[in-house]
Amino acid sequence: MLTAASCAAAAQTNTAQPAPAAPTAQASVRAFQAARFAGMHMAATLLYRGIKPAAANGADVREFQHEAEGLAYWAGAIPGLFPASSLGGDSRARPEIDSHRDDFLQKARDLRLAATRLAELAEAGDRAGFAAQAPVVEAACNACHSAYRAPRAPNGQ
């Protein structure tokens, strides 16, 4: 049983420890870049290993609602992962994201809407609609990438 004295002793012990250091600006930039890379990788996996094969093979699309919802959630997160301070360096994100911010945000909304529609079609079990919507989702991804992602460097980065 905890007593007031043991709680006070625990509080003294915890306050005696130094606070963790605040992340540096460079660490924050790397964190944004890592989050974007991970999210883009997962989104590509959902699309190219789940959704597109399901659409092409006539699968029970209800089983792919989760993947479509994941793409919609990802699209909603994209704008917050591209602050101006996180562009450049090892990132393939082009600086035009800032100078054309309204267009960038619209492309993220377009992806969210396309993926949300895909999820609705999956929930309804509409195979034909799902198959027709999958390329719309892919096109929304590619529209943003073609405008705001630099090509890979010759070394594969």
C-alpha atoms as a PDB file:
ATOM      1  CA  MET A   1       0.000   0.000   0.000  1.00  0.00           C
ATOM      2  CA  LEU A   2       1.306   3.429  -0.916  1.00  0.00           C
ATOM      3  CA  THR A   3       1.624   5.939   1.872  1.00  0.00           C
ATOM      4  CA  ALA A   4       2.024   9.675   1.670  1.00  0.00           C
ATOM      5  CA  ALA A   5       5.673   9.266   2.677  1.00  0.00           C
ATOM      6  CA  SER A   6       6.402   6.737  -0.088  1.00  0.00           C
ATOM      7  CA  CYS A   7       4.705   8.974  -2.663  1.00  0.00           C
ATOM      8  CA  ALA A   8       6.738  11.956  -1.462  1.00  0.00           C
ATOM      9  CA  ALA A   9       9.958   9.912  -1.627  1.00  0.00           C
ATOM     10  CA  ALA A  10       9.098   8.769  -5.153  1.00  0.00           C
ATOM     11  CA  ALA A  11       8.356  12.339  -6.194  1.00  0.00           C
ATOM     12  CA  GLN A  12      11.719  13.503  -4.817  1.00  0.00           C
ATOM     13  CA  THR A  13      13.481  10.724  -6.691  1.00  0.00           C
ATOM     14  CA  ASN A  14      11.733  11.618  -9.951  1.00  0.00           C
ATOM     15  CA  THR A  15      12.415  15.332  -9.647  1.00  0.00           C
ATOM     16  CA  ALA A  16      16.089  14.734  -8.945  1.00  0.00           C
ATOM     17  CA  GLN A  17      16.570  13.200 -12.391  1.00  0.00           C
ATOM     18  CA  PRO A  18      17.511  15.601 -15.155  1.00  0.00           C
ATOM     19  CA  ALA A  19      14.834  16.337 -17.708  1.00  0.00           C
ATOM     20  CA  PRO A  20      15.438  14.801 -21.107  1.00  0.00           C
ATOM     21  CA  ALA A  21      17.120  17.161 -23.518  1.00  0.00           C
ATOM     22  CA  ALA A  22      14.884  18.923 -26.005  1.00  0.00           C
ATOM     23  CA  PRO A  23      15.315  17.605 -29.532  1.00  0.00           C
ATOM     24  CA  THR A  24      17.550  19.669 -31.735  1.00  0.00           C
ATOM     25  CA  ALA A  25      16.187  21.242 -34.878  1.00  0.00           C
ATOM     26  CA  GLN A  26      18.188  18.755 -36.943  1.00  0.00           C
ATOM     27  CA  ALA A  27      16.749  15.829 -34.971  1.00  0.00           C
ATOM     28  CA  SER A  28      13.243  17.161 -35.608  1.00  0.00           C
ATOM     29  CA  VAL A  29      13.939  17.443 -39.339  1.00  0.00           C
ATOM     30  CA  ARG A  30      15.156  13.847 -39.395  1.00  0.00           C
ATOM     31  CA  ALA A  31      12.064  12.753 -37.464  1.00  0.00           C
ATOM     32  CA  PHE A  32       9.733  14.402 -40.006  1.00  0.00           C
ATOM     33  CA  GLN A  33      11.682  12.870 -42.871  1.00  0.00           C
ATOM     34  CA  ALA A  34      11.641   9.424 -41.259  1.00  0.00           C
ATOM     35  CA  ALA A  35       7.891   9.662 -40.617  1.00  0.00           C
ATOM     36  CA  ARG A  36       7.253  10.642 -44.226  1.00  0.00           C
ATOM     37  CA  PHE A  37       9.425   7.855 -45.577  1.00  0.00           C
ATOM     38  CA  ALA A  38       7.718   5.277 -43.359  1.00  0.00           C
ATOM     39  CA  GLY A  39       4.244   6.544 -44.242  1.00  0.00           C
ATOM     40  CA  MET A  40       4.962   6.612 -47.968  1.00  0.00           C
ATOM     41  CA  HIS A  41       6.394   3.101 -47.789  1.00  0.00           C
ATOM     42  CA  MET A  42       3.340   1.802 -45.938  1.00  0.00           C
ATOM     43  CA  ALA A  43       0.977   3.587 -48.339  1.00  0.00           C
ATOM     44  CA  ALA A  44       2.749   2.044 -51.334  1.00  0.00           C
ATOM     45  CA  THR A  45       2.517  -1.369 -49.689  1.00  0.00           C
ATOM     46  CA  LEU A  46      -1.223  -0.939 -49.106  1.00  0.00           C
ATOM     47  CA  LEU A  47      -1.758   0.124 -52.698  1.00  0.00           C
ATOM     48  CA  TYR A  48       0.588  -2.171 -54.604  1.00  0.00           C
ATOM     49  CA  ARG A  49       0.455  -5.300 -52.446  1.00  0.00           C
ATOM     50  CA  GLY A  50      -3.179  -5.118 -51.399  1.00  0.00           C
ATOM     51  CA  ILE A  51      -5.542  -2.835 -53.271  1.00  0.00           C
ATOM     52  CA  LYS A  52      -4.302  -3.134 -56.870  1.00  0.00           C
ATOM     53  CA  PRO A  53      -3.987  -6.941 -56.825  1.00  0.00           C
ATOM     54  CA  ALA A  54      -7.426  -7.217 -55.206  1.00  0.00           C
ATOM     55  CA  ALA A  55      -8.916  -4.968 -57.890  1.00  0.00           C
ATOM     56  CA  ALA A  56      -7.233  -6.911 -60.687  1.00  0.00           C
ATOM     57  CA  ASN A  57      -8.047 -10.369 -59.354  1.00  0.00           C
ATOM     58  CA  GLY A  58     -11.706  -9.900 -58.495  1.00  0.00           C
ATOM     59  CA  ALA A  59     -11.125 -10.510 -54.783  1.00  0.00           C
ATOM     60  CA  ASP A  60     -13.769  -9.923 -52.146  1.00  0.00           C
ATOM     61  CA  VAL A  61     -13.047  -6.204 -51.854  1.00  0.00           C
ATOM     62  CA  ARG A  62     -14.708  -6.016 -48.448  1.00  0.00           C
ATOM     63  CA  GLU A  63     -11.510  -7.599 -47.161  1.00  0.00           C
ATOM     64  CA  PHE A  64      -9.548  -4.541 -48.357  1.00  0.00           C
ATOM     65  CA  GLN A  65     -11.531  -1.785 -46.661  1.00  0.00           C
ATOM     66  CA  HIS A  66      -8.848  -1.487 -43.988  1.00  0.00           C
ATOM     67  CA  GLU A  67      -6.164  -0.843 -46.614  1.00  0.00           C
ATOM     68  CA  ALA A  68      -8.267   1.831 -48.309  1.00  0.00           C
ATOM     69  CA  GLU A  69      -8.995   3.493 -44.964  1.00  0.00           C
ATOM     70  CA  GLY A  70      -5.273   3.425 -44.200  1.00  0.00           C
ATOM     71  CA  LEU A  71      -4.572   5.381 -47.377  1.00  0.00           C
ATOM     72  CA  ALA A  72      -7.258   7.902 -46.466  1.00  0.00           C
ATOM     73  CA  TYR A  73      -5.811   8.346 -42.972  1.00  0.00           C
ATOM     74  CA  TRP A  74      -2.332   8.720 -44.431  1.00  0.00           C
ATOM     75  CA  ALA A  75      -3.533  11.402 -46.854  1.00  0.00           C
ATOM     76  CA  GLY A  76      -5.021  13.316 -43.934  1.00  0.00           C
ATOM     77  CA  ALA A  77      -1.661  13.220 -42.144  1.00  0.00           C
ATOM     78  CA  ILE A  78       0.468  14.305 -45.098  1.00  0.00           C
ATOM     79  CA  PRO A  79       0.093  18.104 -44.786  1.00  0.00           C
ATOM     80  CA  GLY A  80       1.328  18.157 -41.195  1.00  0.00           C
ATOM     81  CA  LEU A  81       4.433  16.158 -42.053  1.00  0.00           C
ATOM     82  CA  PHE A  82       5.885  18.728 -44.447  1.00  0.00           C
ATOM     83  CA  PRO A  83       6.746  21.861 -42.466  1.00  0.00           C
ATOM     84  CA  ALA A  84       9.123  24.187 -44.318  1.00  0.00           C
ATOM     85  CA  SER A  85      11.936  23.469 -41.898  1.00  0.00           C
ATOM     86  CA  SER A  86      11.905  19.754 -42.818  1.00  0.00           C
ATOM     87  CA  LEU A  87      12.500  20.066 -46.546  1.00  0.00           C
ATOM     88  CA  GLY A  88      15.864  19.570 -48.183  1.00  0.00           C
ATOM     89  CA  GLY A  89      18.754  17.523 -46.863  1.00  0.00           C
ATOM     90  CA  ASP A  90      18.161  13.823 -47.418  1.00  0.00           C
ATOM     91  CA  SER A  91      14.535  14.407 -48.330  1.00  0.00           C
ATOM     92  CA  ARG A  92      13.252  14.077 -51.869  1.00  0.00           C
ATOM     93  CA  ALA A  93      10.537  16.617 -51.038  1.00  0.00           C
ATOM     94  CA  ARG A  94      10.837  19.579 -53.374  1.00  0.00           C
ATOM     95  CA  PRO A  95      10.848  23.134 -52.001  1.00  0.00           C
ATOM     96  CA  GLU A  96       7.850  23.896 -54.241  1.00  0.00           C
ATOM     97  CA  ILE A  97       5.744  22.310 -51.488  1.00  0.00           C
ATOM     98  CA  ASP A  98       6.046  25.667 -49.726  1.00  0.00           C
ATOM     99  CA  SER A  99       5.792  27.985 -52.718  1.00  0.00           C
ATOM    100  CA  HIS A 100       2.751  26.072 -54.038  1.00  0.00           C
ATOM    101  CA  ARG A 101       1.300  25.145 -50.638  1.00  0.00           C
ATOM    102  CA  ASP A 102      -2.369  25.461 -51.675  1.00  0.00           C
ATOM    103  CA  ASP A 103      -1.850  23.049 -54.576  1.00  0.00           C
ATOM    104  CA  PHE A 104       0.073  20.639 -52.340  1.00  0.00           C
ATOM    105  CA  LEU A 105      -2.753  20.686 -49.783  1.00  0.00           C
ATOM    106  CA  GLN A 106      -5.323  20.150 -52.541  1.00  0.00           C
ATOM    107  CA  LYS A 107      -3.424  17.123 -53.805  1.00  0.00           C
ATOM    108  CA  ALA A 108      -3.463  15.648 -50.279  1.00  0.00           C
ATOM    109  CA  ARG A 109      -7.232  16.301 -50.087  1.00  0.00           C
ATOM    110  CA  ASP A 110      -7.709  14.688 -53.501  1.00  0.00           C
ATOM    111  CA  LEU A 111      -5.926  11.569 -52.280  1.00  0.00           C
ATOM    112  CA  ARG A 112      -7.972  11.503 -49.074  1.00  0.00           C
ATOM    113  CA  LEU A 113     -11.237  11.808 -50.999  1.00  0.00           C
ATOM    114  CA  ALA A 114     -10.217   9.160 -53.562  1.00  0.00           C
ATOM    115  CA  ALA A 115      -9.147   6.716 -50.837  1.00  0.00           C
ATOM    116  CA  THR A 116     -12.267   7.422 -48.777  1.00  0.00           C
ATOM    117  CA  ARG A 117     -14.387   6.598 -51.825  1.00  0.00           C
ATOM    118  CA  LEU A 118     -12.368   3.404 -52.313  1.00  0.00           C
ATOM    119  CA  ALA A 119     -13.077   2.423 -48.696  1.00  0.00           C
ATOM    120  CA  GLU A 120     -16.795   3.050 -49.224  1.00  0.00           C
ATOM    121  CA  LEU A 121     -16.789   0.832 -52.300  1.00  0.00           C
ATOM    122  CA  ALA A 122     -14.923  -1.860 -50.374  1.00  0.00           C
ATOM    123  CA  GLU A 123     -17.429  -1.706 -47.538  1.00  0.00           C
ATOM    124  CA  ALA A 124     -20.268  -2.073 -50.035  1.00  0.00           C
ATOM    125  CA  GLY A 125     -18.546  -5.044 -51.677  1.00  0.00           C
ATOM    126  CA  ASP A 126     -18.646  -3.249 -55.034  1.00  0.00           C
ATOM    127  CA  ARG A 127     -15.930  -5.066 -56.989  1.00  0.00           C
ATOM    128  CA  ALA A 128     -16.430  -3.140 -60.224  1.00  0.00           C
ATOM    129  CA  GLY A 129     -16.489   0.208 -58.455  1.00  0.00           C
ATOM    130  CA  PHE A 130     -13.440  -0.732 -56.387  1.00  0.00           C
ATOM    131  CA  ALA A 131     -11.558  -1.806 -59.526  1.00  0.00           C
ATOM    132  CA  ALA A 132     -12.431   1.496 -61.215  1.00  0.00           C
ATOM    133  CA  GLN A 133     -11.490   3.584 -58.162  1.00  0.00           C
ATOM    134  CA  ALA A 134      -8.098   1.965 -57.475  1.00  0.00           C
ATOM    135  CA  PRO A 135      -6.434   3.735 -60.460  1.00  0.00           C
ATOM    136  CA  VAL A 136      -7.988   7.025 -59.291  1.00  0.00           C
ATOM    137  CA  VAL A 137      -6.214   6.576 -55.952  1.00  0.00           C
ATOM    138  CA  GLU A 138      -2.952   5.697 -57.690  1.00  0.00           C
ATOM    139  CA  ALA A 139      -3.290   8.754 -59.951  1.00  0.00           C
ATOM    140  CA  ALA A 140      -3.804  10.979 -56.897  1.00  0.00           C
ATOM    141  CA  CYS A 141      -0.570   9.633 -55.388  1.00  0.00           C
ATOM    142  CA  ASN A 142       1.302  10.130 -58.650  1.00  0.00           C
ATOM    143  CA  ALA A 143      -0.029  13.668 -59.163  1.00  0.00           C
ATOM    144  CA  CYS A 144       1.594  14.788 -55.934  1.00  0.00           C
ATOM    145  CA  HIS A 145       4.779  12.824 -56.479  1.00  0.00           C
ATOM    146  CA  SER A 146       5.275  14.181 -59.997  1.00  0.00           C
ATOM    147  CA  ALA A 147       4.926  17.756 -58.757  1.00  0.00           C
ATOM    148  CA  TYR A 148       6.577  17.616 -55.343  1.00  0.00           C
ATOM    149  CA  ARG A 149       9.011  14.693 -55.173  1.00  0.00           C
ATOM    150  CA  ALA A 150      12.468  14.908 -56.686  1.00  0.00           C
ATOM    151  CA  PRO A 151      13.703  11.945 -58.722  1.00  0.00           C
ATOM    152  CA  ARG A 152      16.009   9.439 -57.102  1.00  0.00           C
ATOM    153  CA  ALA A 153      19.666  10.370 -57.124  1.00  0.00           C
ATOM    154  CA  PRO A 154      21.928   8.128 -59.215  1.00  0.00           C
ATOM    155  CA  ASN A 155      23.046   6.400 -56.000  1.00  0.00           C
ATOM    156  CA  GLY A 156      19.438   5.294 -55.375  1.00  0.00           C
ATOM    157  CA  GLN A 157      18.567   7.809 -52.666  1.00  0.00           C
END
